[in-house]
């Protein structure tokens, strides 16, 4: 027979696992949104844009801080001579939108 404490512990573990899954899905969606936006800004072909976005989505598997992501995006933009003023803001807006979409699904 399980105790109330064990039941609560399992419930918290399930909640934690669910929250982590939602966080992962939101990061994937955020990176896909950003990758698509950046690819359009730097003028990539459709195939190049898909590859760029795929590589950006794959970075979710690597612990990458928002600052490191912004630095990578800035380097990609600078390499093409494209200026974006509020890149950290873009990342934050995409993250918020992605989180809303994932929670609504």
PDB file of N, CA and C in Angstrom:
ATOM      1  N   UNK A   1       0.846  -1.174   0.000  1.00  0.00           N
ATOM      2  CA  UNK A   1       0.000   0.000   0.000  1.00  0.00           C
ATOM      3  C   UNK A   1       0.895   1.242   0.000  1.00  0.00           C
ATOM      4  N   UNK A   2       0.561   2.179  -0.857  1.00  0.00           N
ATOM      5  CA  UNK A   2       1.360   3.391  -0.923  1.00  0.00           C
ATOM      6  C   UNK A   2       0.851   4.409   0.088  1.00  0.00           C
ATOM      7  N   UNK A   3       1.764   5.178   0.559  1.00  0.00           N
ATOM      8  CA  UNK A   3       1.410   6.209   1.528  1.00  0.00           C
ATOM      9  C   UNK A   3       1.044   7.489   0.799  1.00  0.00           C
ATOM     10  N   UNK A   4       0.429   8.372   1.490  1.00  0.00           N
ATOM     11  CA  UNK A   4       0.070   9.674   0.932  1.00  0.00           C
ATOM     12  C   UNK A   4       1.324  10.399   0.460  1.00  0.00           C
ATOM     13  N   UNK A   5       2.394  10.291   1.234  1.00  0.00           N
ATOM     14  CA  UNK A   5       3.648  10.941   0.862  1.00  0.00           C
ATOM     15  C   UNK A   5       4.163  10.393  -0.463  1.00  0.00           C
ATOM     16  N   UNK A   6       4.114   9.089  -0.647  1.00  0.00           N
ATOM     17  CA  UNK A   6       4.587   8.481  -1.901  1.00  0.00           C
ATOM     18  C   UNK A   6       3.727   8.902  -3.086  1.00  0.00           C
ATOM     19  N   UNK A   7       2.433   8.982  -2.868  1.00  0.00           N
ATOM     20  CA  UNK A   7       1.524   9.436  -3.924  1.00  0.00           C
ATOM     21  C   UNK A   7       1.819  10.874  -4.318  1.00  0.00           C
ATOM     22  N   UNK A   8       2.035  11.719  -3.339  1.00  0.00           N
ATOM     23  CA  UNK A   8       2.352  13.125  -3.625  1.00  0.00           C
ATOM     24  C   UNK A   8       3.695  13.238  -4.325  1.00  0.00           C
ATOM     25  N   UNK A   9       4.649  12.436  -3.904  1.00  0.00           N
ATOM     26  CA  UNK A   9       5.970  12.452  -4.537  1.00  0.00           C
ATOM     27  C   UNK A   9       5.858  12.065  -6.010  1.00  0.00           C
ATOM     28  N   UNK A  10       5.100  11.036  -6.325  1.00  0.00           N
ATOM     29  CA  UNK A  10       4.912  10.625  -7.715  1.00  0.00           C
ATOM     30  C   UNK A  10       4.188  11.710  -8.516  1.00  0.00           C
ATOM     31  N   UNK A  11       3.222  12.348  -7.893  1.00  0.00           N
ATOM     32  CA  UNK A  11       2.491  13.423  -8.572  1.00  0.00           C
ATOM     33  C   UNK A  11       3.431  14.581  -8.898  1.00  0.00           C
ATOM     34  N   UNK A  12       4.300  14.949  -7.970  1.00  0.00           N
ATOM     35  CA  UNK A  12       5.269  16.019  -8.229  1.00  0.00           C
ATOM     36  C   UNK A  12       6.259  15.616  -9.313  1.00  0.00           C
ATOM     37  N   UNK A  13       6.665  14.355  -9.326  1.00  0.00           N
ATOM     38  CA  UNK A  13       7.574  13.876 -10.365  1.00  0.00           C
ATOM     39  C   UNK A  13       6.916  13.944 -11.740  1.00  0.00           C
ATOM     40  N   UNK A  14       5.641  13.559 -11.817  1.00  0.00           N
ATOM     41  CA  UNK A  14       4.917  13.646 -13.096  1.00  0.00           C
ATOM     42  C   UNK A  14       4.770  15.097 -13.536  1.00  0.00           C
ATOM     43  N   UNK A  15       4.464  15.969 -12.581  1.00  0.00           N
ATOM     44  CA  UNK A  15       4.335  17.390 -12.901  1.00  0.00           C
ATOM     45  C   UNK A  15       5.662  17.952 -13.400  1.00  0.00           C
ATOM     46  N   UNK A  16       6.751  17.599 -12.735  1.00  0.00           N
ATOM     47  CA  UNK A  16       8.067  18.067 -13.152  1.00  0.00           C
ATOM     48  C   UNK A  16       8.386  17.574 -14.561  1.00  0.00           C
ATOM     49  N   UNK A  17       8.139  16.312 -14.844  1.00  0.00           N
ATOM     50  CA  UNK A  17       8.405  15.747 -16.166  1.00  0.00           C
ATOM     51  C   UNK A  17       7.570  16.453 -17.227  1.00  0.00           C
ATOM     52  N   UNK A  18       6.319  16.730 -16.904  1.00  0.00           N
ATOM     53  CA  UNK A  18       5.439  17.430 -17.846  1.00  0.00           C
ATOM     54  C   UNK A  18       5.942  18.847 -18.116  1.00  0.00           C
ATOM     55  N   UNK A  19       6.326  19.555 -17.060  1.00  0.00           N
ATOM     56  CA  UNK A  19       6.840  20.917 -17.212  1.00  0.00           C
ATOM     57  C   UNK A  19       8.127  20.941 -18.037  1.00  0.00           C
ATOM     58  N   UNK A  20       8.993  19.964 -17.819  1.00  0.00           N
ATOM     59  CA  UNK A  20      10.241  19.884 -18.593  1.00  0.00           C
ATOM     60  C   UNK A  20       9.953  19.604 -20.064  1.00  0.00           C
ATOM     61  N   UNK A  21       8.972  18.764 -20.333  1.00  0.00           N
ATOM     62  CA  UNK A  21       8.600  18.482 -21.717  1.00  0.00           C
ATOM     63  C   UNK A  21       8.060  19.745 -22.390  1.00  0.00           C
ATOM     64  N   UNK A  22       7.216  20.480 -21.688  1.00  0.00           N
ATOM     65  CA  UNK A  22       6.687  21.729 -22.236  1.00  0.00           C
ATOM     66  C   UNK A  22       7.802  22.740 -22.474  1.00  0.00           C
ATOM     67  N   UNK A  23       8.750  22.819 -21.550  1.00  0.00           N
ATOM     68  CA  UNK A  23       9.881  23.742 -21.714  1.00  0.00           C
ATOM     69  C   UNK A  23      10.694  23.367 -22.948  1.00  0.00           C
ATOM     70  N   UNK A  24      10.961  22.082 -23.128  1.00  0.00           N
ATOM     71  CA  UNK A  24      11.710  21.614 -24.294  1.00  0.00           C
ATOM     72  C   UNK A  24      10.963  21.946 -25.590  1.00  0.00           C
ATOM     73  N   UNK A  25       9.668  21.659 -25.620  1.00  0.00           N
ATOM     74  CA  UNK A  25       8.883  21.946 -26.819  1.00  0.00           C
ATOM     75  C   UNK A  25       8.846  23.446 -27.118  1.00  0.00           C
ATOM     76  N   UNK A  26       8.776  24.264 -26.084  1.00  0.00           N
ATOM     77  CA  UNK A  26       8.774  25.717 -26.278  1.00  0.00           C
ATOM     78  C   UNK A  26      10.123  26.187 -26.821  1.00  0.00           C
ATOM     79  N   UNK A  27      11.224  25.613 -26.335  1.00  0.00           N
ATOM     80  CA  UNK A  27      12.542  25.989 -26.858  1.00  0.00           C
ATOM     81  C   UNK A  27      12.688  25.597 -28.321  1.00  0.00           C
ATOM     82  N   UNK A  28      12.207  24.415 -28.673  1.00  0.00           N
ATOM     83  CA  UNK A  28      12.257  23.977 -30.067  1.00  0.00           C
ATOM     84  C   UNK A  28      11.451  24.933 -30.942  1.00  0.00           C
ATOM     85  N   UNK A  29      10.250  25.252 -30.496  1.00  0.00           N
ATOM     86  CA  UNK A  29       9.387  26.154 -31.269  1.00  0.00           C
ATOM     87  C   UNK A  29      10.007  27.543 -31.364  1.00  0.00           C
ATOM     88  N   UNK A  30      10.574  28.034 -30.260  1.00  0.00           N
ATOM     89  CA  UNK A  30      11.233  29.350 -30.272  1.00  0.00           C
ATOM     90  C   UNK A  30      12.367  29.369 -31.290  1.00  0.00           C
ATOM     91  N   UNK A  31      13.210  28.362 -31.257  1.00  0.00           N
ATOM     92  CA  UNK A  31      14.341  28.339 -32.179  1.00  0.00           C
ATOM     93  C   UNK A  31      13.891  28.199 -33.626  1.00  0.00           C
ATOM     94  N   UNK A  32      12.801  27.464 -33.849  1.00  0.00           N
ATOM     95  CA  UNK A  32      12.272  27.349 -35.210  1.00  0.00           C
ATOM     96  C   UNK A  32      11.762  28.705 -35.686  1.00  0.00           C
ATOM     97  N   UNK A  33      11.063  29.416 -34.817  1.00  0.00           N
ATOM     98  CA  UNK A  33      10.550  30.739 -35.178  1.00  0.00           C
ATOM     99  C   UNK A  33      11.699  31.697 -35.486  1.00  0.00           C
ATOM    100  N   UNK A  34      12.696  31.702 -34.625  1.00  0.00           N
ATOM    101  CA  UNK A  34      13.843  32.596 -34.816  1.00  0.00           C
ATOM    102  C   UNK A  34      14.606  32.210 -36.073  1.00  0.00           C
ATOM    103  N   UNK A  35      14.823  30.924 -36.275  1.00  0.00           N
ATOM    104  CA  UNK A  35      15.550  30.461 -37.464  1.00  0.00           C
ATOM    105  C   UNK A  35      14.863  30.875 -38.740  1.00  0.00           C
ATOM    106  N   UNK A  36      13.556  30.744 -38.781  1.00  0.00           N
ATOM    107  CA  UNK A  36      12.788  31.148 -39.961  1.00  0.00           C
ATOM    108  C   UNK A  36      12.901  32.649 -40.195  1.00  0.00           C
ATOM    109  N   UNK A  37      12.803  33.419 -39.132  1.00  0.00           N
ATOM    110  CA  UNK A  37      12.881  34.877 -39.243  1.00  0.00           C
ATOM    111  C   UNK A  37      14.264  35.316 -39.721  1.00  0.00           C
ATOM    112  N   UNK A  38      15.312  34.752 -39.116  1.00  0.00           N
ATOM    113  CA  UNK A  38      16.683  35.112 -39.487  1.00  0.00           C
ATOM    114  C   UNK A  38      16.961  34.702 -40.927  1.00  0.00           C
ATOM    115  N   UNK A  39      16.531  33.506 -41.306  1.00  0.00           N
ATOM    116  CA  UNK A  39      16.768  33.014 -42.666  1.00  0.00           C
ATOM    117  C   UNK A  39      16.164  33.956 -43.698  1.00  0.00           C
ATOM    118  N   UNK A  40      14.974  34.468 -43.416  1.00  0.00           N
ATOM    119  CA  UNK A  40      14.364  35.440 -44.337  1.00  0.00           C
ATOM    120  C   UNK A  40      15.161  36.734 -44.374  1.00  0.00           C
ATOM    121  N   UNK A  41      15.606  37.185 -43.178  1.00  0.00           N
ATOM    122  CA  UNK A  41      16.366  38.446 -43.107  1.00  0.00           C
ATOM    123  C   UNK A  41      17.676  38.389 -43.868  1.00  0.00           C
ATOM    124  N   UNK A  42      18.343  37.242 -43.849  1.00  0.00           N
ATOM    125  CA  UNK A  42      19.650  37.170 -44.514  1.00  0.00           C
ATOM    126  C   UNK A  42      19.532  36.630 -45.941  1.00  0.00           C
ATOM    127  N   UNK A  43      18.309  36.383 -46.390  1.00  0.00           N
ATOM    128  CA  UNK A  43      18.076  36.045 -47.784  1.00  0.00           C
ATOM    129  C   UNK A  43      18.492  34.639 -48.193  1.00  0.00           C
ATOM    130  N   UNK A  44      18.280  33.670 -47.335  1.00  0.00           N
ATOM    131  CA  UNK A  44      18.627  32.296 -47.683  1.00  0.00           C
ATOM    132  C   UNK A  44      17.574  31.700 -48.608  1.00  0.00           C
ATOM    133  N   UNK A  45      18.006  30.782 -49.461  1.00  0.00           N
ATOM    134  CA  UNK A  45      17.056  30.056 -50.302  1.00  0.00           C
ATOM    135  C   UNK A  45      16.206  29.170 -49.411  1.00  0.00           C
ATOM    136  N   UNK A  46      15.169  28.584 -49.971  1.00  0.00           N
ATOM    137  CA  UNK A  46      14.284  27.744 -49.161  1.00  0.00           C
ATOM    138  C   UNK A  46      15.032  26.562 -48.550  1.00  0.00           C
ATOM    139  N   UNK A  47      15.864  25.914 -49.336  1.00  0.00           N
ATOM    140  CA  UNK A  47      16.629  24.762 -48.827  1.00  0.00           C
ATOM    141  C   UNK A  47      17.635  25.210 -47.764  1.00  0.00           C
ATOM    142  N   UNK A  48      18.312  26.326 -48.011  1.00  0.00           N
ATOM    143  CA  UNK A  48      19.263  26.848 -47.029  1.00  0.00           C
ATOM    144  C   UNK A  48      18.553  27.257 -45.743  1.00  0.00           C
ATOM    145  N   UNK A  49      17.366  27.848 -45.889  1.00  0.00           N
ATOM    146  CA  UNK A  49      16.588  28.280 -44.725  1.00  0.00           C
ATOM    147  C   UNK A  49      16.161  27.076 -43.891  1.00  0.00           C
ATOM    148  N   UNK A  50      15.742  26.011 -44.555  1.00  0.00           N
ATOM    149  CA  UNK A  50      15.352  24.803 -43.823  1.00  0.00           C
ATOM    150  C   UNK A  50      16.540  24.228 -43.067  1.00  0.00           C
ATOM    151  N   UNK A  51      17.708  24.194 -43.699  1.00  0.00           N
ATOM    152  CA  UNK A  51      18.913  23.665 -43.057  1.00  0.00           C
ATOM    153  C   UNK A  51      19.336  24.557 -41.889  1.00  0.00           C
ATOM    154  N   UNK A  52      19.301  25.864 -42.083  1.00  0.00           N
ATOM    155  CA  UNK A  52      19.675  26.802 -41.032  1.00  0.00           C
ATOM    156  C   UNK A  52      18.751  26.632 -39.829  1.00  0.00           C
ATOM    157  N   UNK A  53      17.455  26.573 -40.090  1.00  0.00           N
ATOM    158  CA  UNK A  53      16.481  26.420 -39.013  1.00  0.00           C
ATOM    159  C   UNK A  53      16.663  25.078 -38.316  1.00  0.00           C
ATOM    160  N   UNK A  54      16.910  24.012 -39.070  1.00  0.00           N
ATOM    161  CA  UNK A  54      17.129  22.695 -38.477  1.00  0.00           C
ATOM    162  C   UNK A  54      18.325  22.717 -37.532  1.00  0.00           C
ATOM    163  N   UNK A  55      19.422  23.351 -37.981  1.00  0.00           N
ATOM    164  CA  UNK A  55      20.614  23.423 -37.127  1.00  0.00           C
ATOM    165  C   UNK A  55      20.335  24.240 -35.870  1.00  0.00           C
ATOM    166  N   UNK A  56      19.570  25.292 -36.010  1.00  0.00           N
ATOM    167  CA  UNK A  56      19.231  26.114 -34.845  1.00  0.00           C
ATOM    168  C   UNK A  56      18.341  25.339 -33.873  1.00  0.00           C
ATOM    169  N   UNK A  57      17.404  24.570 -34.387  1.00  0.00           N
ATOM    170  CA  UNK A  57      16.545  23.752 -33.530  1.00  0.00           C
ATOM    171  C   UNK A  57      17.377  22.693 -32.803  1.00  0.00           C
ATOM    172  N   UNK A  58      18.378  22.142 -33.473  1.00  0.00           N
ATOM    173  CA  UNK A  58      19.220  21.122 -32.854  1.00  0.00           C
ATOM    174  C   UNK A  58      20.010  21.665 -31.667  1.00  0.00           C
ATOM    175  N   UNK A  59      20.211  22.962 -31.598  1.00  0.00           N
ATOM    176  CA  UNK A  59      20.962  23.524 -30.470  1.00  0.00           C
ATOM    177  C   UNK A  59      20.208  23.374 -29.154  1.00  0.00           C
ATOM    178  N   UNK A  60      18.921  23.032 -29.209  1.00  0.00           N
ATOM    179  CA  UNK A  60      18.146  22.823 -27.990  1.00  0.00           C
ATOM    180  C   UNK A  60      18.743  21.658 -27.195  1.00  0.00           C
ATOM    181  N   UNK A  61      19.313  20.699 -27.891  1.00  0.00           N
ATOM    182  CA  UNK A  61      19.913  19.538 -27.214  1.00  0.00           C
ATOM    183  C   UNK A  61      21.182  19.922 -26.458  1.00  0.00           C
ATOM    184  N   UNK A  62      21.791  21.032 -26.852  1.00  0.00           N
ATOM    185  CA  UNK A  62      23.003  21.520 -26.195  1.00  0.00           C
ATOM    186  C   UNK A  62      22.572  22.626 -25.232  1.00  0.00           C
ATOM    187  N   UNK A  63      22.997  22.566 -23.991  1.00  0.00           N
ATOM    188  CA  UNK A  63      22.628  23.662 -23.089  1.00  0.00           C
ATOM    189  C   UNK A  63      23.231  24.982 -23.596  1.00  0.00           C
ATOM    190  N   UNK A  64      22.392  25.822 -24.186  1.00  0.00           N
ATOM    191  CA  UNK A  64      22.827  27.082 -24.769  1.00  0.00           C
ATOM    192  C   UNK A  64      22.050  28.201 -24.097  1.00  0.00           C
ATOM    193  N   UNK A  65      22.760  29.110 -23.459  1.00  0.00           N
ATOM    194  CA  UNK A  65      22.077  30.228 -22.808  1.00  0.00           C
ATOM    195  C   UNK A  65      21.501  31.166 -23.856  1.00  0.00           C
ATOM    196  N   UNK A  66      20.566  31.993 -23.428  1.00  0.00           N
ATOM    197  CA  UNK A  66      20.005  32.979 -24.352  1.00  0.00           C
ATOM    198  C   UNK A  66      21.096  33.912 -24.869  1.00  0.00           C
ATOM    199  N   UNK A  67      22.048  34.253 -24.005  1.00  0.00           N
ATOM    200  CA  UNK A  67      23.143  35.141 -24.418  1.00  0.00           C
ATOM    201  C   UNK A  67      23.999  34.477 -25.493  1.00  0.00           C
ATOM    202  N   UNK A  68      24.266  33.191 -25.346  1.00  0.00           N
ATOM    203  CA  UNK A  68      25.045  32.462 -26.347  1.00  0.00           C
ATOM    204  C   UNK A  68      24.267  32.359 -27.654  1.00  0.00           C
ATOM    205  N   UNK A  69      22.953  32.160 -27.569  1.00  0.00           N
ATOM    206  CA  UNK A  69      22.124  32.116 -28.767  1.00  0.00           C
ATOM    207  C   UNK A  69      22.147  33.456 -29.483  1.00  0.00           C
ATOM    208  N   UNK A  70      22.007  34.534 -28.728  1.00  0.00           N
ATOM    209  CA  UNK A  70      22.044  35.875 -29.326  1.00  0.00           C
ATOM    210  C   UNK A  70      23.396  36.126 -29.993  1.00  0.00           C
ATOM    211  N   UNK A  71      24.480  35.704 -29.343  1.00  0.00           N
ATOM    212  CA  UNK A  71      25.816  35.879 -29.932  1.00  0.00           C
ATOM    213  C   UNK A  71      25.935  35.106 -31.240  1.00  0.00           C
ATOM    214  N   UNK A  72      25.406  33.903 -31.273  1.00  0.00           N
ATOM    215  CA  UNK A  72      25.456  33.102 -32.510  1.00  0.00           C
ATOM    216  C   UNK A  72      24.638  33.762 -33.612  1.00  0.00           C
ATOM    217  N   UNK A  73      23.436  34.212 -33.264  1.00  0.00           N
ATOM    218  CA  UNK A  73      22.588  34.876 -34.256  1.00  0.00           C
ATOM    219  C   UNK A  73      23.229  36.163 -34.749  1.00  0.00           C
ATOM    220  N   UNK A  74      23.815  36.919 -33.815  1.00  0.00           N
ATOM    221  CA  UNK A  74      24.478  38.171 -34.192  1.00  0.00           C
ATOM    222  C   UNK A  74      25.613  37.893 -35.170  1.00  0.00           C
ATOM    223  N   UNK A  75      26.389  36.836 -34.922  1.00  0.00           N
ATOM    224  CA  UNK A  75      27.491  36.476 -35.822  1.00  0.00           C
ATOM    225  C   UNK A  75      26.955  36.108 -37.204  1.00  0.00           C
ATOM    226  N   UNK A  76      25.852  35.369 -37.247  1.00  0.00           N
ATOM    227  CA  UNK A  76      25.251  34.996 -38.534  1.00  0.00           C
ATOM    228  C   UNK A  76      24.770  36.226 -39.289  1.00  0.00           C
ATOM    229  N   UNK A  77      24.144  37.136 -38.563  1.00  0.00           N
ATOM    230  CA  UNK A  77      23.652  38.364 -39.191  1.00  0.00           C
ATOM    231  C   UNK A  77      24.812  39.243 -39.654  1.00  0.00           C
ATOM    232  N   UNK A  78      25.824  39.405 -38.817  1.00  0.00           N
ATOM    233  CA  UNK A  78      26.980  40.223 -39.169  1.00  0.00           C
ATOM    234  C   UNK A  78      27.706  39.672 -40.388  1.00  0.00           C
ATOM    235  N   UNK A  79      27.784  38.355 -40.492  1.00  0.00           N
ATOM    236  CA  UNK A  79      28.454  37.723 -41.631  1.00  0.00           C
ATOM    237  C   UNK A  79      27.759  38.067 -42.943  1.00  0.00           C
ATOM    238  N   UNK A  80      26.463  38.338 -42.887  1.00  0.00           N
ATOM    239  CA  UNK A  80      25.699  38.698 -44.083  1.00  0.00           C
ATOM    240  C   UNK A  80      25.485  40.206 -44.201  1.00  0.00           C
ATOM    241  N   UNK A  81      26.007  40.969 -43.240  1.00  0.00           N
ATOM    242  CA  UNK A  81      25.862  42.417 -43.280  1.00  0.00           C
ATOM    243  C   UNK A  81      24.471  42.912 -42.953  1.00  0.00           C
ATOM    244  N   UNK A  82      23.738  42.149 -42.164  1.00  0.00           N
ATOM    245  CA  UNK A  82      22.375  42.528 -41.779  1.00  0.00           C
ATOM    246  C   UNK A  82      22.402  43.003 -40.332  1.00  0.00           C
ATOM    247  N   UNK A  83      21.793  44.165 -40.093  1.00  0.00           N
ATOM    248  CA  UNK A  83      21.759  44.705 -38.737  1.00  0.00           C
ATOM    249  C   UNK A  83      20.370  44.530 -38.139  1.00  0.00           C
ATOM    250  N   UNK A  84      20.331  44.006 -36.940  1.00  0.00           N
ATOM    251  CA  UNK A  84      19.089  43.882 -36.175  1.00  0.00           C
ATOM    252  C   UNK A  84      19.373  44.507 -34.823  1.00  0.00           C
ATOM    253  N   UNK A  85      18.605  45.489 -34.456  1.00  0.00           N
ATOM    254  CA  UNK A  85      18.899  46.254 -33.243  1.00  0.00           C
ATOM    255  C   UNK A  85      18.578  45.511 -31.955  1.00  0.00           C
ATOM    256  N   UNK A  86      17.419  44.899 -31.863  1.00  0.00           N
ATOM    257  CA  UNK A  86      16.989  44.321 -30.596  1.00  0.00           C
ATOM    258  C   UNK A  86      16.902  42.801 -30.679  1.00  0.00           C
ATOM    259  N   UNK A  87      18.032  42.173 -30.916  1.00  0.00           N
ATOM    260  CA  UNK A  87      18.059  40.717 -31.023  1.00  0.00           C
ATOM    261  C   UNK A  87      17.663  40.030 -29.714  1.00  0.00           C
ATOM    262  N   UNK A  88      18.142  40.502 -28.557  1.00  0.00           N
ATOM    263  CA  UNK A  88      17.672  39.875 -27.306  1.00  0.00           C
ATOM    264  C   UNK A  88      16.152  40.005 -27.132  1.00  0.00           C
ATOM    265  N   UNK A  89      15.606  41.116 -27.562  1.00  0.00           N
ATOM    266  CA  UNK A  89      14.156  41.307 -27.492  1.00  0.00           C
ATOM    267  C   UNK A  89      13.419  40.338 -28.397  1.00  0.00           C
ATOM    268  N   UNK A  90      13.976  40.100 -29.589  1.00  0.00           N
ATOM    269  CA  UNK A  90      13.386  39.136 -30.511  1.00  0.00           C
ATOM    270  C   UNK A  90      13.359  37.743 -29.883  1.00  0.00           C
ATOM    271  N   UNK A  91      14.472  37.351 -29.277  1.00  0.00           N
ATOM    272  CA  UNK A  91      14.553  36.033 -28.631  1.00  0.00           C
ATOM    273  C   UNK A  91      13.517  35.950 -27.509  1.00  0.00           C
ATOM    274  N   UNK A  92      13.391  36.997 -26.717  1.00  0.00           N
ATOM    275  CA  UNK A  92      12.427  36.999 -25.614  1.00  0.00           C
ATOM    276  C   UNK A  92      10.988  36.942 -26.124  1.00  0.00           C
ATOM    277  N   UNK A  93      10.686  37.717 -27.171  1.00  0.00           N
ATOM    278  CA  UNK A  93       9.326  37.699 -27.722  1.00  0.00           C
ATOM    279  C   UNK A  93       8.980  36.334 -28.310  1.00  0.00           C
ATOM    280  N   UNK A  94       9.922  35.753 -29.043  1.00  0.00           N
ATOM    281  CA  UNK A  94       9.681  34.423 -29.616  1.00  0.00           C
ATOM    282  C   UNK A  94       9.524  33.377 -28.522  1.00  0.00           C
ATOM    283  N   UNK A  95      10.297  33.499 -27.449  1.00  0.00           N
ATOM    284  CA  UNK A  95      10.191  32.554 -26.341  1.00  0.00           C
ATOM    285  C   UNK A  95       8.808  32.650 -25.687  1.00  0.00           C
ATOM    286  N   UNK A  96       8.332  33.874 -25.483  1.00  0.00           N
ATOM    287  CA  UNK A  96       7.020  34.056 -24.860  1.00  0.00           C
ATOM    288  C   UNK A  96       5.909  33.520 -25.763  1.00  0.00           C
ATOM    289  N   UNK A  97       5.997  33.817 -27.051  1.00  0.00           N
ATOM    290  CA  UNK A  97       4.983  33.334 -27.985  1.00  0.00           C
ATOM    291  C   UNK A  97       5.009  31.804 -28.077  1.00  0.00           C
ATOM    292  N   UNK A  98       6.204  31.229 -28.145  1.00  0.00           N
ATOM    293  CA  UNK A  98       6.330  29.776 -28.223  1.00  0.00           C
ATOM    294  C   UNK A  98       5.765  29.109 -26.971  1.00  0.00           C
ATOM    295  N   UNK A  99       6.038  29.686 -25.803  1.00  0.00           N
ATOM    296  CA  UNK A  99       5.515  29.130 -24.562  1.00  0.00           C
ATOM    297  C   UNK A  99       3.990  29.175 -24.546  1.00  0.00           C
ATOM    298  N   UNK A 100       3.414  30.286 -25.008  1.00  0.00           N
ATOM    299  CA  UNK A 100       1.954  30.397 -25.079  1.00  0.00           C
ATOM    300  C   UNK A 100       1.366  29.335 -26.005  1.00  0.00           C
ATOM    301  N   UNK A 101       1.990  29.161 -27.168  1.00  0.00           N
ATOM    302  CA  UNK A 101       1.496  28.192 -28.142  1.00  0.00           C
ATOM    303  C   UNK A 101       1.578  26.766 -27.606  1.00  0.00           C
ATOM    304  N   UNK A 102       2.683  26.444 -26.945  1.00  0.00           N
ATOM    305  CA  UNK A 102       2.856  25.093 -26.414  1.00  0.00           C
ATOM    306  C   UNK A 102       1.851  24.819 -25.302  1.00  0.00           C
ATOM    307  N   UNK A 103       1.627  25.785 -24.448  1.00  0.00           N
ATOM    308  CA  UNK A 103       0.671  25.583 -23.351  1.00  0.00           C
ATOM    309  C   UNK A 103      -0.769  25.496 -23.878  1.00  0.00           C
ATOM    310  N   UNK A 104      -1.053  26.191 -24.980  1.00  0.00           N
ATOM    311  CA  UNK A 104      -2.397  26.175 -25.551  1.00  0.00           C
ATOM    312  C   UNK A 104      -2.675  24.870 -26.302  1.00  0.00           C
ATOM    313  N   UNK A 105      -1.619  24.201 -26.756  1.00  0.00           N
ATOM    314  CA  UNK A 105      -1.811  22.980 -27.561  1.00  0.00           C
ATOM    315  C   UNK A 105      -2.212  21.804 -26.717  1.00  0.00           C
TER     316      UNK A 105
END
